[in-house]
Every structure is written in C-alpha cells, then in structure tokens.
Amino acid sequence: MRMVFGEPDGSRSPRAVAFAEMCKKAGIEGVLSEAILTDLWIK
C-alpha cells in the first residue's frame, strides 16, 4: 500500500509534506517525490 506523489516542479510544498505525514499515520507508504513525472513513467 504505497503512494508516490509530488508537485510537478519538484518542490516540497507544505501541502505535499502534510499529506506524506498523514499517509504515515494511516500505514500507507507515502513517498513525496521530487521527480514525479519520472515515477509516473517507471510505473
């Protein structure tokens, strides 16, 4: 149960950081990516 997400410009925005912390609480492996378009293509 993993989710990778991130701003398209690679920034660590407050909203992205907060969501990563919420994922951790929920037992989801939440990965805040600084290269989300590469991650999209890897999948």
PDB file of all heavy atoms in Angstrom:
ATOM      1  N   MET A   1       0.866  -1.168   0.000  1.00  0.00           N
ATOM      2  CA  MET A   1       0.000   0.000   0.000  1.00  0.00           C
ATOM      3  C   MET A   1       0.910   1.227   0.000  1.00  0.00           C
ATOM      4  O   MET A   1       1.318   1.738   1.036  1.00  0.00           O
ATOM      5  CB  MET A   1      -0.950   0.020   1.199  1.00  0.00           C
ATOM      6  CG  MET A   1      -1.954   1.169   1.130  1.00  0.00           C
ATOM      7  SD  MET A   1      -3.169   1.175   2.479  1.00  0.00           S
ATOM      8  CE  MET A   1      -4.342  -0.016   1.865  1.00  0.00           C
ATOM      9  N   ARG A   2       1.242   1.656  -1.196  1.00  0.00           N
ATOM     10  CA  ARG A   2       2.226   2.717  -1.388  1.00  0.00           C
ATOM     11  C   ARG A   2       1.629   3.777  -2.306  1.00  0.00           C
ATOM     12  O   ARG A   2       0.888   3.457  -3.240  1.00  0.00           O
ATOM     13  CB  ARG A   2       3.491   2.117  -2.013  1.00  0.00           C
ATOM     14  CG  ARG A   2       4.675   3.048  -2.204  1.00  0.00           C
ATOM     15  CD  ARG A   2       5.879   2.225  -2.663  1.00  0.00           C
ATOM     16  NE  ARG A   2       7.101   3.002  -2.744  1.00  0.00           N
ATOM     17  CZ  ARG A   2       7.578   3.538  -3.868  1.00  0.00           C
ATOM     18  NH1 ARG A   2       6.930   3.366  -5.011  1.00  0.00           N
ATOM     19  NH2 ARG A   2       8.706   4.223  -3.862  1.00  0.00           N
ATOM     20  N   MET A   3       1.945   5.020  -2.053  1.00  0.00           N
ATOM     21  CA  MET A   3       1.500   6.098  -2.917  1.00  0.00           C
ATOM     22  C   MET A   3       2.649   7.085  -3.093  1.00  0.00           C
ATOM     23  O   MET A   3       3.234   7.548  -2.117  1.00  0.00           O
ATOM     24  CB  MET A   3       0.292   6.823  -2.311  1.00  0.00           C
ATOM     25  CG  MET A   3      -0.377   7.808  -3.250  1.00  0.00           C
ATOM     26  SD  MET A   3      -1.578   8.913  -2.416  1.00  0.00           S
ATOM     27  CE  MET A   3      -2.567   7.768  -1.466  1.00  0.00           C
ATOM     28  N   VAL A   4       2.979   7.381  -4.339  1.00  0.00           N
ATOM     29  CA  VAL A   4       4.022   8.351  -4.657  1.00  0.00           C
ATOM     30  C   VAL A   4       3.326   9.584  -5.229  1.00  0.00           C
ATOM     31  O   VAL A   4       2.433   9.460  -6.070  1.00  0.00           O
ATOM     32  CB  VAL A   4       5.022   7.779  -5.678  1.00  0.00           C
ATOM     33  CG1 VAL A   4       6.182   8.747  -5.887  1.00  0.00           C
ATOM     34  CG2 VAL A   4       5.533   6.416  -5.223  1.00  0.00           C
ATOM     35  N   PHE A   5       3.717  10.757  -4.784  1.00  0.00           N
ATOM     36  CA  PHE A   5       3.057  11.979  -5.238  1.00  0.00           C
ATOM     37  C   PHE A   5       4.041  13.129  -5.119  1.00  0.00           C
ATOM     38  O   PHE A   5       5.041  13.046  -4.394  1.00  0.00           O
ATOM     39  CB  PHE A   5       1.797  12.266  -4.398  1.00  0.00           C
ATOM     40  CG  PHE A   5       2.051  12.221  -2.923  1.00  0.00           C
ATOM     41  CD1 PHE A   5       2.456  13.345  -2.228  1.00  0.00           C
ATOM     42  CD2 PHE A   5       1.921  11.022  -2.222  1.00  0.00           C
ATOM     43  CE1 PHE A   5       2.714  13.295  -0.873  1.00  0.00           C
ATOM     44  CE2 PHE A   5       2.182  10.956  -0.863  1.00  0.00           C
ATOM     45  CZ  PHE A   5       2.587  12.093  -0.185  1.00  0.00           C
ATOM     46  N   GLY A   6       3.761  14.212  -5.824  1.00  0.00           N
ATOM     47  CA  GLY A   6       4.647  15.361  -5.729  1.00  0.00           C
ATOM     48  C   GLY A   6       4.235  16.472  -6.656  1.00  0.00           C
ATOM     49  O   GLY A   6       3.497  16.261  -7.626  1.00  0.00           O
ATOM     50  N   GLU A   7       4.709  17.655  -6.340  1.00  0.00           N
ATOM     51  CA  GLU A   7       4.456  18.802  -7.213  1.00  0.00           C
ATOM     52  C   GLU A   7       5.230  18.616  -8.525  1.00  0.00           C
ATOM     53  O   GLU A   7       6.365  18.120  -8.516  1.00  0.00           O
ATOM     54  CB  GLU A   7       4.900  20.097  -6.532  1.00  0.00           C
ATOM     55  CG  GLU A   7       4.294  20.357  -5.157  1.00  0.00           C
ATOM     56  CD  GLU A   7       2.811  20.733  -5.205  1.00  0.00           C
ATOM     57  OE1 GLU A   7       2.233  20.792  -6.323  1.00  0.00           O
ATOM     58  OE2 GLU A   7       2.231  20.959  -4.130  1.00  0.00           O
ATOM     59  N   PRO A   8       4.643  19.008  -9.651  1.00  0.00           N
ATOM     60  CA  PRO A   8       5.333  18.826 -10.934  1.00  0.00           C
ATOM     61  C   PRO A   8       6.698  19.514 -11.014  1.00  0.00           C
ATOM     62  O   PRO A   8       7.588  19.055 -11.728  1.00  0.00           O
ATOM     63  CB  PRO A   8       4.353  19.442 -11.942  1.00  0.00           C
ATOM     64  CG  PRO A   8       3.016  19.312 -11.298  1.00  0.00           C
ATOM     65  CD  PRO A   8       3.271  19.506  -9.832  1.00  0.00           C
ATOM     66  N   ASP A   9       6.873  20.624 -10.251  1.00  0.00           N
ATOM     67  CA  ASP A   9       8.162  21.319 -10.289  1.00  0.00           C
ATOM     68  C   ASP A   9       9.183  20.744  -9.310  1.00  0.00           C
ATOM     69  O   ASP A   9      10.305  21.254  -9.195  1.00  0.00           O
ATOM     70  CB  ASP A   9       7.968  22.817 -10.021  1.00  0.00           C
ATOM     71  CG  ASP A   9       7.451  23.125  -8.613  1.00  0.00           C
ATOM     72  OD1 ASP A   9       7.257  22.178  -7.811  1.00  0.00           O
ATOM     73  OD2 ASP A   9       7.241  24.316  -8.303  1.00  0.00           O
ATOM     74  N   GLY A  10       8.811  19.679  -8.589  1.00  0.00           N
ATOM     75  CA  GLY A  10       9.747  19.026  -7.675  1.00  0.00           C
ATOM     76  C   GLY A  10       9.860  19.666  -6.309  1.00  0.00           C
ATOM     77  O   GLY A  10      10.632  19.186  -5.468  1.00  0.00           O
ATOM     78  N   SER A  11       9.086  20.701  -6.042  1.00  0.00           N
ATOM     79  CA  SER A  11       9.196  21.391  -4.752  1.00  0.00           C
ATOM     80  C   SER A  11       8.533  20.586  -3.636  1.00  0.00           C
ATOM     81  O   SER A  11       7.604  19.820  -3.871  1.00  0.00           O
ATOM     82  CB  SER A  11       8.535  22.777  -4.834  1.00  0.00           C
ATOM     83  OG  SER A  11       7.150  22.650  -5.110  1.00  0.00           O
ATOM     84  N   ARG A  12       9.027  20.771  -2.423  1.00  0.00           N
ATOM     85  CA  ARG A  12       8.450  20.115  -1.243  1.00  0.00           C
ATOM     86  C   ARG A  12       7.461  21.089  -0.603  1.00  0.00           C
ATOM     87  O   ARG A  12       7.762  21.739   0.406  1.00  0.00           O
ATOM     88  CB  ARG A  12       9.547  19.706  -0.264  1.00  0.00           C
ATOM     89  CG  ARG A  12      10.478  18.644  -0.815  1.00  0.00           C
ATOM     90  CD  ARG A  12      11.560  18.256   0.196  1.00  0.00           C
ATOM     91  NE  ARG A  12      11.003  17.680   1.413  1.00  0.00           N
ATOM     92  CZ  ARG A  12      10.660  16.398   1.546  1.00  0.00           C
ATOM     93  NH1 ARG A  12      10.825  15.558   0.526  1.00  0.00           N
ATOM     94  NH2 ARG A  12      10.169  15.953   2.691  1.00  0.00           N
ATOM     95  N   SER A  13       6.303  21.207  -1.205  1.00  0.00           N
ATOM     96  CA  SER A  13       5.305  22.169  -0.741  1.00  0.00           C
ATOM     97  C   SER A  13       4.752  21.736   0.611  1.00  0.00           C
ATOM     98  O   SER A  13       4.736  20.546   0.955  1.00  0.00           O
ATOM     99  CB  SER A  13       4.163  22.262  -1.758  1.00  0.00           C
ATOM    100  OG  SER A  13       3.460  21.028  -1.821  1.00  0.00           O
ATOM    101  N   PRO A  14       4.277  22.703   1.418  1.00  0.00           N
ATOM    102  CA  PRO A  14       3.680  22.352   2.713  1.00  0.00           C
ATOM    103  C   PRO A  14       2.533  21.352   2.580  1.00  0.00           C
ATOM    104  O   PRO A  14       2.397  20.465   3.418  1.00  0.00           O
ATOM    105  CB  PRO A  14       3.196  23.701   3.251  1.00  0.00           C
ATOM    106  CG  PRO A  14       4.109  24.705   2.622  1.00  0.00           C
ATOM    107  CD  PRO A  14       4.391  24.168   1.248  1.00  0.00           C
ATOM    108  N   ARG A  15       1.716  21.487   1.534  1.00  0.00           N
ATOM    109  CA  ARG A  15       0.582  20.562   1.395  1.00  0.00           C
ATOM    110  C   ARG A  15       1.056  19.144   1.083  1.00  0.00           C
ATOM    111  O   ARG A  15       0.466  18.169   1.540  1.00  0.00           O
ATOM    112  CB  ARG A  15      -0.402  21.056   0.339  1.00  0.00           C
ATOM    113  CG  ARG A  15       0.107  21.079  -1.092  1.00  0.00           C
ATOM    114  CD  ARG A  15      -0.925  21.644  -2.050  1.00  0.00           C
ATOM    115  NE  ARG A  15      -0.462  21.525  -3.439  1.00  0.00           N
ATOM    116  CZ  ARG A  15      -1.180  21.905  -4.493  1.00  0.00           C
ATOM    117  NH1 ARG A  15      -2.390  22.435  -4.333  1.00  0.00           N
ATOM    118  NH2 ARG A  15      -0.704  21.753  -5.730  1.00  0.00           N
ATOM    119  N   ALA A  16       2.119  19.016   0.295  1.00  0.00           N
ATOM    120  CA  ALA A  16       2.655  17.694  -0.021  1.00  0.00           C
ATOM    121  C   ALA A  16       3.296  17.061   1.213  1.00  0.00           C
ATOM    122  O   ALA A  16       3.126  15.865   1.475  1.00  0.00           O
ATOM    123  CB  ALA A  16       3.663  17.789  -1.160  1.00  0.00           C
ATOM    124  N   VAL A  17       4.038  17.855   1.980  1.00  0.00           N
ATOM    125  CA  VAL A  17       4.674  17.354   3.204  1.00  0.00           C
ATOM    126  C   VAL A  17       3.614  16.904   4.208  1.00  0.00           C
ATOM    127  O   VAL A  17       3.724  15.833   4.827  1.00  0.00           O
ATOM    128  CB  VAL A  17       5.583  18.441   3.823  1.00  0.00           C
ATOM    129  CG1 VAL A  17       6.072  18.014   5.198  1.00  0.00           C
ATOM    130  CG2 VAL A  17       6.770  18.724   2.906  1.00  0.00           C
ATOM    131  N   ALA A  18       2.551  17.697   4.361  1.00  0.00           N
ATOM    132  CA  ALA A  18       1.487  17.353   5.306  1.00  0.00           C
ATOM    133  C   ALA A  18       0.790  16.064   4.897  1.00  0.00           C
ATOM    134  O   ALA A  18       0.447  15.228   5.750  1.00  0.00           O
ATOM    135  CB  ALA A  18       0.479  18.502   5.390  1.00  0.00           C
ATOM    136  N   PHE A  19       0.594  15.870   3.603  1.00  0.00           N
ATOM    137  CA  PHE A  19      -0.082  14.652   3.161  1.00  0.00           C
ATOM    138  C   PHE A  19       0.812  13.431   3.383  1.00  0.00           C
ATOM    139  O   PHE A  19       0.328  12.353   3.744  1.00  0.00           O
ATOM    140  CB  PHE A  19      -0.502  14.755   1.697  1.00  0.00           C
ATOM    141  CG  PHE A  19      -1.378  13.611   1.261  1.00  0.00           C
ATOM    142  CD1 PHE A  19      -2.672  13.493   1.747  1.00  0.00           C
ATOM    143  CD2 PHE A  19      -0.904  12.635   0.405  1.00  0.00           C
ATOM    144  CE1 PHE A  19      -3.479  12.423   1.376  1.00  0.00           C
ATOM    145  CE2 PHE A  19      -1.702  11.570   0.025  1.00  0.00           C
ATOM    146  CZ  PHE A  19      -3.000  11.465   0.521  1.00  0.00           C
ATOM    147  N   ALA A  20       2.113  13.587   3.176  1.00  0.00           N
ATOM    148  CA  ALA A  20       3.035  12.483   3.432  1.00  0.00           C
ATOM    149  C   ALA A  20       2.972  12.066   4.908  1.00  0.00           C
ATOM    150  O   ALA A  20       3.003  10.869   5.235  1.00  0.00           O
ATOM    151  CB  ALA A  20       4.457  12.884   3.054  1.00  0.00           C
ATOM    152  N   GLU A  21       2.858  13.040   5.796  1.00  0.00           N
ATOM    153  CA  GLU A  21       2.757  12.737   7.223  1.00  0.00           C
ATOM    154  C   GLU A  21       1.448  12.017   7.538  1.00  0.00           C
ATOM    155  O   GLU A  21       1.410  11.092   8.349  1.00  0.00           O
ATOM    156  CB  GLU A  21       2.869  14.032   8.028  1.00  0.00           C
ATOM    157  CG  GLU A  21       4.262  14.658   7.967  1.00  0.00           C
ATOM    158  CD  GLU A  21       4.317  16.049   8.581  1.00  0.00           C
ATOM    159  OE1 GLU A  21       3.243  16.581   8.957  1.00  0.00           O
ATOM    160  OE2 GLU A  21       5.423  16.609   8.658  1.00  0.00           O
ATOM    161  N   MET A  22       0.360  12.412   6.871  1.00  0.00           N
ATOM    162  CA  MET A  22      -0.930  11.747   7.083  1.00  0.00           C
ATOM    163  C   MET A  22      -0.882  10.313   6.585  1.00  0.00           C
ATOM    164  O   MET A  22      -1.443   9.404   7.212  1.00  0.00           O
ATOM    165  CB  MET A  22      -2.030  12.530   6.365  1.00  0.00           C
ATOM    166  CG  MET A  22      -3.439  12.038   6.674  1.00  0.00           C
ATOM    167  SD  MET A  22      -3.959  12.393   8.366  1.00  0.00           S
ATOM    168  CE  MET A  22      -4.609  10.793   8.852  1.00  0.00           C
ATOM    169  N   CYS A  23      -0.228  10.088   5.469  1.00  0.00           N
ATOM    170  CA  CYS A  23      -0.082   8.726   4.946  1.00  0.00           C
ATOM    171  C   CYS A  23       0.637   7.835   5.951  1.00  0.00           C
ATOM    172  O   CYS A  23       0.248   6.678   6.173  1.00  0.00           O
ATOM    173  CB  CYS A  23       0.686   8.733   3.622  1.00  0.00           C
ATOM    174  SG  CYS A  23      -0.263   9.290   2.200  1.00  0.00           S
ATOM    175  N   LYS A  24       1.682   8.377   6.572  1.00  0.00           N
ATOM    176  CA  LYS A  24       2.439   7.606   7.564  1.00  0.00           C
ATOM    177  C   LYS A  24       1.531   7.175   8.710  1.00  0.00           C
ATOM    178  O   LYS A  24       1.571   6.020   9.159  1.00  0.00           O
ATOM    179  CB  LYS A  24       3.616   8.432   8.075  1.00  0.00           C
ATOM    180  CG  LYS A  24       4.528   7.680   9.023  1.00  0.00           C
ATOM    181  CD  LYS A  24       5.735   8.545   9.425  1.00  0.00           C
ATOM    182  CE  LYS A  24       6.658   7.785  10.361  1.00  0.00           C
ATOM    183  NZ  LYS A  24       7.831   8.607  10.760  1.00  0.00           N
ATOM    184  N   LYS A  25       0.688   8.086   9.189  1.00  0.00           N
ATOM    185  CA  LYS A  25      -0.254   7.759  10.257  1.00  0.00           C
ATOM    186  C   LYS A  25      -1.212   6.649   9.837  1.00  0.00           C
ATOM    187  O   LYS A  25      -1.654   5.838  10.658  1.00  0.00           O
ATOM    188  CB  LYS A  25      -1.058   8.997  10.654  1.00  0.00           C
ATOM    189  CG  LYS A  25      -0.279  10.077  11.364  1.00  0.00           C
ATOM    190  CD  LYS A  25      -1.190  11.260  11.684  1.00  0.00           C
ATOM    191  CE  LYS A  25      -0.399  12.432  12.264  1.00  0.00           C
ATOM    192  NZ  LYS A  25      -1.284  13.601  12.487  1.00  0.00           N
ATOM    193  N   ALA A  26      -1.547   6.638   8.536  1.00  0.00           N
ATOM    194  CA  ALA A  26      -2.534   5.689   8.025  1.00  0.00           C
ATOM    195  C   ALA A  26      -1.928   4.349   7.638  1.00  0.00           C
ATOM    196  O   ALA A  26      -2.659   3.454   7.184  1.00  0.00           O
ATOM    197  CB  ALA A  26      -3.244   6.301   6.821  1.00  0.00           C
ATOM    198  N   GLY A  27      -0.626   4.195   7.799  1.00  0.00           N
ATOM    199  CA  GLY A  27       0.013   2.937   7.409  1.00  0.00           C
ATOM    200  C   GLY A  27       0.229   2.813   5.917  1.00  0.00           C
ATOM    201  O   GLY A  27       0.499   1.725   5.399  1.00  0.00           O
ATOM    202  N   ILE A  28       0.122   3.934   5.203  1.00  0.00           N
ATOM    203  CA  ILE A  28       0.405   3.974   3.769  1.00  0.00           C
ATOM    204  C   ILE A  28       1.848   4.432   3.591  1.00  0.00           C
ATOM    205  O   ILE A  28       2.280   5.393   4.235  1.00  0.00           O
ATOM    206  CB  ILE A  28      -0.539   4.962   3.049  1.00  0.00           C
ATOM    207  CG1 ILE A  28      -2.001   4.534   3.214  1.00  0.00           C
ATOM    208  CG2 ILE A  28      -0.187   5.091   1.568  1.00  0.00           C
ATOM    209  CD1 ILE A  28      -3.005   5.592   2.789  1.00  0.00           C
ATOM    210  N   GLU A  29       2.580   3.758   2.735  1.00  0.00           N
ATOM    211  CA  GLU A  29       3.935   4.229   2.416  1.00  0.00           C
ATOM    212  C   GLU A  29       3.798   5.414   1.456  1.00  0.00           C
ATOM    213  O   GLU A  29       3.716   5.253   0.255  1.00  0.00           O
ATOM    214  CB  GLU A  29       4.768   3.119   1.775  1.00  0.00           C
ATOM    215  CG  GLU A  29       6.209   3.529   1.538  1.00  0.00           C
ATOM    216  CD  GLU A  29       7.002   2.513   0.728  1.00  0.00           C
ATOM    217  OE1 GLU A  29       6.491   1.404   0.476  1.00  0.00           O
ATOM    218  OE2 GLU A  29       8.148   2.853   0.325  1.00  0.00           O
ATOM    219  N   GLY A  30       3.738   6.598   2.025  1.00  0.00           N
ATOM    220  CA  GLY A  30       3.576   7.809   1.231  1.00  0.00           C
ATOM    221  C   GLY A  30       4.921   8.399   0.876  1.00  0.00           C
ATOM    222  O   GLY A  30       5.688   8.790   1.762  1.00  0.00           O
ATOM    223  N   VAL A  31       5.225   8.455  -0.401  1.00  0.00           N
ATOM    224  CA  VAL A  31       6.532   8.930  -0.866  1.00  0.00           C
ATOM    225  C   VAL A  31       6.356  10.276  -1.545  1.00  0.00           C
ATOM    226  O   VAL A  31       5.691  10.378  -2.585  1.00  0.00           O
ATOM    227  CB  VAL A  31       7.165   7.928  -1.844  1.00  0.00           C
ATOM    228  CG1 VAL A  31       8.521   8.438  -2.331  1.00  0.00           C
ATOM    229  CG2 VAL A  31       7.311   6.558  -1.193  1.00  0.00           C
ATOM    230  N   LEU A  32       6.944  11.323  -0.966  1.00  0.00           N
ATOM    231  CA  LEU A  32       6.928  12.646  -1.573  1.00  0.00           C
ATOM    232  C   LEU A  32       8.081  12.720  -2.568  1.00  0.00           C
ATOM    233  O   LEU A  32       9.249  12.726  -2.186  1.00  0.00           O
ATOM    234  CB  LEU A  32       7.049  13.727  -0.504  1.00  0.00           C
ATOM    235  CG  LEU A  32       7.218  15.172  -0.984  1.00  0.00           C
ATOM    236  CD1 LEU A  32       6.188  15.538  -2.028  1.00  0.00           C
ATOM    237  CD2 LEU A  32       7.134  16.120   0.208  1.00  0.00           C
ATOM    238  N   SER A  33       7.738  12.735  -3.840  1.00  0.00           N
ATOM    239  CA  SER A  33       8.742  12.660  -4.901  1.00  0.00           C
ATOM    240  C   SER A  33       9.143  14.048  -5.384  1.00  0.00           C
ATOM    241  O   SER A  33       8.306  14.948  -5.497  1.00  0.00           O
ATOM    242  CB  SER A  33       8.180  11.858  -6.084  1.00  0.00           C
ATOM    243  OG  SER A  33       9.051  11.921  -7.192  1.00  0.00           O
ATOM    244  N   GLU A  34      10.426  14.187  -5.680  1.00  0.00           N
ATOM    245  CA  GLU A  34      10.917  15.408  -6.300  1.00  0.00           C
ATOM    246  C   GLU A  34      11.084  15.227  -7.812  1.00  0.00           C
ATOM    247  O   GLU A  34      11.572  16.119  -8.503  1.00  0.00           O
ATOM    248  CB  GLU A  34      12.240  15.824  -5.655  1.00  0.00           C
ATOM    249  CG  GLU A  34      12.079  16.169  -4.176  1.00  0.00           C
ATOM    250  CD  GLU A  34      13.382  16.535  -3.490  1.00  0.00           C
ATOM    251  OE1 GLU A  34      14.415  16.629  -4.199  1.00  0.00           O
ATOM    252  OE2 GLU A  34      13.379  16.723  -2.256  1.00  0.00           O
ATOM    253  N   ALA A  35      10.654  14.059  -8.323  1.00  0.00           N
ATOM    254  CA  ALA A  35      10.707  13.781  -9.768  1.00  0.00           C
ATOM    255  C   ALA A  35       9.492  12.919 -10.130  1.00  0.00           C
ATOM    256  O   ALA A  35       9.622  11.795 -10.589  1.00  0.00           O
ATOM    257  CB  ALA A  35      12.007  13.070 -10.126  1.00  0.00           C
ATOM    258  N   ILE A  36       8.305  13.466  -9.907  1.00  0.00           N
ATOM    259  CA  ILE A  36       7.091  12.667 -10.020  1.00  0.00           C
ATOM    260  C   ILE A  36       6.831  12.200 -11.445  1.00  0.00           C
ATOM    261  O   ILE A  36       6.273  11.109 -11.651  1.00  0.00           O
ATOM    262  CB  ILE A  36       5.874  13.439  -9.452  1.00  0.00           C
ATOM    263  CG1 ILE A  36       4.646  12.533  -9.353  1.00  0.00           C
ATOM    264  CG2 ILE A  36       5.587  14.687 -10.261  1.00  0.00           C
ATOM    265  CD1 ILE A  36       4.808  11.326  -8.488  1.00  0.00           C
ATOM    266  N   LEU A  37       7.241  12.966 -12.450  1.00  0.00           N
ATOM    267  CA  LEU A  37       6.997  12.527 -13.828  1.00  0.00           C
ATOM    268  C   LEU A  37       7.838  11.298 -14.158  1.00  0.00           C
ATOM    269  O   LEU A  37       7.375  10.380 -14.860  1.00  0.00           O
ATOM    270  CB  LEU A  37       7.280  13.659 -14.814  1.00  0.00           C
ATOM    271  CG  LEU A  37       6.403  14.910 -14.633  1.00  0.00           C
ATOM    272  CD1 LEU A  37       6.694  15.937 -15.727  1.00  0.00           C
ATOM    273  CD2 LEU A  37       4.915  14.552 -14.610  1.00  0.00           C
ATOM    274  N   THR A  38       9.050  11.228 -13.632  1.00  0.00           N
ATOM    275  CA  THR A  38       9.862  10.019 -13.794  1.00  0.00           C
ATOM    276  C   THR A  38       9.189   8.844 -13.095  1.00  0.00           C
ATOM    277  O   THR A  38       9.125   7.736 -13.652  1.00  0.00           O
ATOM    278  CB  THR A  38      11.274  10.237 -13.231  1.00  0.00           C
ATOM    279  OG1 THR A  38      11.937  11.230 -14.017  1.00  0.00           O
ATOM    280  CG2 THR A  38      12.090   8.947 -13.273  1.00  0.00           C
ATOM    281  N   ASP A  39       8.660   9.077 -11.911  1.00  0.00           N
ATOM    282  CA  ASP A  39       7.973   7.995 -11.189  1.00  0.00           C
ATOM    283  C   ASP A  39       6.744   7.503 -11.948  1.00  0.00           C
ATOM    284  O   ASP A  39       6.456   6.303 -11.966  1.00  0.00           O
ATOM    285  CB  ASP A  39       7.570   8.472  -9.789  1.00  0.00           C
ATOM    286  CG  ASP A  39       8.780   8.657  -8.884  1.00  0.00           C
ATOM    287  OD1 ASP A  39       9.611   7.734  -8.813  1.00  0.00           O
ATOM    288  OD2 ASP A  39       8.889   9.713  -8.250  1.00  0.00           O
ATOM    289  N   LEU A  40       6.010   8.426 -12.566  1.00  0.00           N
ATOM    290  CA  LEU A  40       4.865   8.028 -13.388  1.00  0.00           C
ATOM    291  C   LEU A  40       5.296   7.080 -14.501  1.00  0.00           C
ATOM    292  O   LEU A  40       4.650   6.067 -14.764  1.00  0.00           O
ATOM    293  CB  LEU A  40       4.206   9.264 -14.009  1.00  0.00           C
ATOM    294  CG  LEU A  40       3.157  10.024 -13.211  1.00  0.00           C
ATOM    295  CD1 LEU A  40       2.734  11.266 -13.992  1.00  0.00           C
ATOM    296  CD2 LEU A  40       1.949   9.153 -12.922  1.00  0.00           C
ATOM    297  N   TRP A  41       6.384   7.411 -15.145  1.00  0.00           N
ATOM    298  CA  TRP A  41       6.848   6.591 -16.267  1.00  0.00           C
ATOM    299  C   TRP A  41       7.458   5.273 -15.812  1.00  0.00           C
ATOM    300  O   TRP A  41       7.360   4.268 -16.515  1.00  0.00           O
ATOM    301  CB  TRP A  41       7.825   7.389 -17.130  1.00  0.00           C
ATOM    302  CG  TRP A  41       7.105   8.210 -18.162  1.00  0.00           C
ATOM    303  CD1 TRP A  41       6.575   9.449 -18.003  1.00  0.00           C
ATOM    304  CD2 TRP A  41       6.813   7.810 -19.507  1.00  0.00           C
ATOM    305  NE1 TRP A  41       5.972   9.860 -19.170  1.00  0.00           N
ATOM    306  CE2 TRP A  41       6.105   8.881 -20.104  1.00  0.00           C
ATOM    307  CE3 TRP A  41       7.089   6.676 -20.258  1.00  0.00           C
ATOM    308  CZ2 TRP A  41       5.668   8.831 -21.432  1.00  0.00           C
ATOM    309  CZ3 TRP A  41       6.655   6.625 -21.576  1.00  0.00           C
ATOM    310  CH2 TRP A  41       5.951   7.682 -22.151  1.00  0.00           C
ATOM    311  N   ILE A  42       8.094   5.262 -14.651  1.00  0.00           N
ATOM    312  CA  ILE A  42       8.611   3.993 -14.117  1.00  0.00           C
ATOM    313  C   ILE A  42       7.459   2.998 -13.960  1.00  0.00           C
ATOM    314  O   ILE A  42       7.568   1.827 -14.334  1.00  0.00           O
ATOM    315  CB  ILE A  42       9.350   4.218 -12.782  1.00  0.00           C
ATOM    316  CG1 ILE A  42      10.700   4.912 -13.045  1.00  0.00           C
ATOM    317  CG2 ILE A  42       9.564   2.904 -12.048  1.00  0.00           C
ATOM    318  CD1 ILE A  42      11.432   5.345 -11.775  1.00  0.00           C
ATOM    319  N   LYS A  43       6.346   3.483 -13.423  1.00  0.00           N
ATOM    320  CA  LYS A  43       5.184   2.595 -13.306  1.00  0.00           C
ATOM    321  C   LYS A  43       4.602   2.264 -14.676  1.00  0.00           C
ATOM    322  O   LYS A  43       4.142   1.144 -14.913  1.00  0.00           O
ATOM    323  CB  LYS A  43       4.106   3.214 -12.422  1.00  0.00           C
ATOM    324  CG  LYS A  43       2.904   2.271 -12.269  1.00  0.00           C
ATOM    325  CD  LYS A  43       1.788   2.809 -11.420  1.00  0.00           C
ATOM    326  CE  LYS A  43       0.639   1.821 -11.369  1.00  0.00           C
ATOM    327  NZ  LYS A  43      -0.521   2.318 -10.595  1.00  0.00           N
TER     328      LYS A  43
END
